[in-house]
């Protein structure tokens, strides 16, 4: 039989549960960060800038070409450096 004192048992118990708690906390934190970075990328993908009036707006349409809400010009969905 393994003989443990109360102090040894408490130390093992604390080390085990604190390490388990730390691992679970880090895992949930990493999931949280990943979710928010993905959400931010999706939001940034929706932002568009009009080529004519330089107005930034959110394009929630699924079309390739969208209309500016201010001047009504047609803008192509894509990056800022499209030629």
C-alpha atoms as a PDB file:
ATOM      1  CA  UNK A   1       0.000   0.000   0.000  1.00  0.00           C
ATOM      2  CA  UNK A   2       1.176   3.516  -0.786  1.00  0.00           C
ATOM      3  CA  UNK A   3       1.510   5.645   2.283  1.00  0.00           C
ATOM      4  CA  UNK A   4       0.678   9.327   1.858  1.00  0.00           C
ATOM      5  CA  UNK A   5       0.531  12.009   4.431  1.00  0.00           C
ATOM      6  CA  UNK A   6      -2.261  14.544   4.401  1.00  0.00           C
ATOM      7  CA  UNK A   7       0.152  17.230   3.206  1.00  0.00           C
ATOM      8  CA  UNK A   8       1.319  15.118   0.263  1.00  0.00           C
ATOM      9  CA  UNK A   9      -2.232  14.229  -0.660  1.00  0.00           C
ATOM     10  CA  UNK A  10      -3.304  17.890  -0.583  1.00  0.00           C
ATOM     11  CA  UNK A  11      -0.299  18.895  -2.678  1.00  0.00           C
ATOM     12  CA  UNK A  12      -1.054  16.267  -5.329  1.00  0.00           C
ATOM     13  CA  UNK A  13      -4.737  17.196  -5.268  1.00  0.00           C
ATOM     14  CA  UNK A  14      -4.006  20.929  -5.709  1.00  0.00           C
ATOM     15  CA  UNK A  15      -1.426  20.384  -8.452  1.00  0.00           C
ATOM     16  CA  UNK A  16      -3.760  18.094 -10.389  1.00  0.00           C
ATOM     17  CA  UNK A  17      -6.839  20.302 -10.191  1.00  0.00           C
ATOM     18  CA  UNK A  18      -5.000  23.575 -10.722  1.00  0.00           C
ATOM     19  CA  UNK A  19      -3.288  22.191 -13.812  1.00  0.00           C
ATOM     20  CA  UNK A  20      -6.621  20.851 -15.091  1.00  0.00           C
ATOM     21  CA  UNK A  21      -8.268  24.211 -14.474  1.00  0.00           C
ATOM     22  CA  UNK A  22      -5.395  26.041 -16.222  1.00  0.00           C
ATOM     23  CA  UNK A  23      -5.569  23.774 -19.269  1.00  0.00           C
ATOM     24  CA  UNK A  24      -9.340  24.198 -19.579  1.00  0.00           C
ATOM     25  CA  UNK A  25      -9.079  27.966 -19.161  1.00  0.00           C
ATOM     26  CA  UNK A  26      -6.347  28.261 -21.824  1.00  0.00           C
ATOM     27  CA  UNK A  27      -8.341  26.080 -24.188  1.00  0.00           C
ATOM     28  CA  UNK A  28     -11.473  28.202 -23.824  1.00  0.00           C
ATOM     29  CA  UNK A  29      -9.420  31.411 -24.144  1.00  0.00           C
ATOM     30  CA  UNK A  30      -7.848  30.209 -27.405  1.00  0.00           C
ATOM     31  CA  UNK A  31     -11.268  29.277 -28.800  1.00  0.00           C
ATOM     32  CA  UNK A  32     -12.587  32.704 -27.786  1.00  0.00           C
ATOM     33  CA  UNK A  33      -9.684  34.505 -29.499  1.00  0.00           C
ATOM     34  CA  UNK A  34     -10.011  32.390 -32.648  1.00  0.00           C
ATOM     35  CA  UNK A  35     -13.760  33.025 -32.852  1.00  0.00           C
ATOM     36  CA  UNK A  36     -13.315  36.777 -32.508  1.00  0.00           C
ATOM     37  CA  UNK A  37     -10.510  36.994 -35.050  1.00  0.00           C
ATOM     38  CA  UNK A  38     -12.650  35.080 -37.546  1.00  0.00           C
ATOM     39  CA  UNK A  39     -15.607  37.339 -36.762  1.00  0.00           C
ATOM     40  CA  UNK A  40     -13.451  40.453 -37.282  1.00  0.00           C
ATOM     41  CA  UNK A  41     -12.209  39.119 -40.637  1.00  0.00           C
ATOM     42  CA  UNK A  42     -15.796  38.540 -41.735  1.00  0.00           C
ATOM     43  CA  UNK A  43     -16.791  42.068 -40.715  1.00  0.00           C
ATOM     44  CA  UNK A  44     -13.769  43.612 -42.476  1.00  0.00           C
ATOM     45  CA  UNK A  45     -14.664  41.669 -45.612  1.00  0.00           C
ATOM     46  CA  UNK A  46     -18.050  43.420 -45.643  1.00  0.00           C
ATOM     47  CA  UNK A  47     -16.568  46.937 -45.533  1.00  0.00           C
ATOM     48  CA  UNK A  48     -16.259  48.627 -48.874  1.00  0.00           C
ATOM     49  CA  UNK A  49     -15.095  52.042 -50.046  1.00  0.00           C
ATOM     50  CA  UNK A  50     -16.706  53.920 -52.917  1.00  0.00           C
ATOM     51  CA  UNK A  51     -14.276  54.789 -55.710  1.00  0.00           C
ATOM     52  CA  UNK A  52     -16.089  58.020 -56.592  1.00  0.00           C
ATOM     53  CA  UNK A  53     -17.092  59.713 -53.328  1.00  0.00           C
ATOM     54  CA  UNK A  54     -14.672  57.818 -51.002  1.00  0.00           C
ATOM     55  CA  UNK A  55     -17.496  56.851 -48.618  1.00  0.00           C
ATOM     56  CA  UNK A  56     -17.000  53.706 -46.529  1.00  0.00           C
ATOM     57  CA  UNK A  57     -20.044  51.499 -46.169  1.00  0.00           C
ATOM     58  CA  UNK A  58     -20.965  47.936 -45.268  1.00  0.00           C
ATOM     59  CA  UNK A  59     -22.000  45.760 -48.193  1.00  0.00           C
ATOM     60  CA  UNK A  60     -24.218  42.932 -46.953  1.00  0.00           C
ATOM     61  CA  UNK A  61     -25.349  41.986 -50.453  1.00  0.00           C
ATOM     62  CA  UNK A  62     -24.038  38.815 -52.002  1.00  0.00           C
ATOM     63  CA  UNK A  63     -23.452  40.457 -55.376  1.00  0.00           C
ATOM     64  CA  UNK A  64     -20.082  41.179 -56.942  1.00  0.00           C
ATOM     65  CA  UNK A  65     -21.049  44.740 -57.859  1.00  0.00           C
ATOM     66  CA  UNK A  66     -22.706  46.930 -55.248  1.00  0.00           C
ATOM     67  CA  UNK A  67     -24.181  50.420 -55.301  1.00  0.00           C
ATOM     68  CA  UNK A  68     -22.851  53.186 -53.089  1.00  0.00           C
ATOM     69  CA  UNK A  69     -25.610  54.457 -50.767  1.00  0.00           C
ATOM     70  CA  UNK A  70     -24.438  58.084 -51.161  1.00  0.00           C
ATOM     71  CA  UNK A  71     -23.679  58.661 -54.849  1.00  0.00           C
ATOM     72  CA  UNK A  72     -25.156  55.484 -56.364  1.00  0.00           C
ATOM     73  CA  UNK A  73     -22.071  54.502 -58.336  1.00  0.00           C
ATOM     74  CA  UNK A  74     -21.391  50.827 -58.953  1.00  0.00           C
ATOM     75  CA  UNK A  75     -18.380  49.467 -57.086  1.00  0.00           C
ATOM     76  CA  UNK A  76     -16.707  46.106 -57.490  1.00  0.00           C
ATOM     77  CA  UNK A  77     -16.377  43.987 -54.379  1.00  0.00           C
ATOM     78  CA  UNK A  78     -12.725  43.393 -53.507  1.00  0.00           C
ATOM     79  CA  UNK A  79      -9.651  44.980 -51.999  1.00  0.00           C
ATOM     80  CA  UNK A  80      -8.820  48.653 -51.867  1.00  0.00           C
ATOM     81  CA  UNK A  81      -6.028  48.386 -54.458  1.00  0.00           C
ATOM     82  CA  UNK A  82      -8.123  47.035 -57.329  1.00  0.00           C
ATOM     83  CA  UNK A  83      -7.245  48.720 -60.600  1.00  0.00           C
END
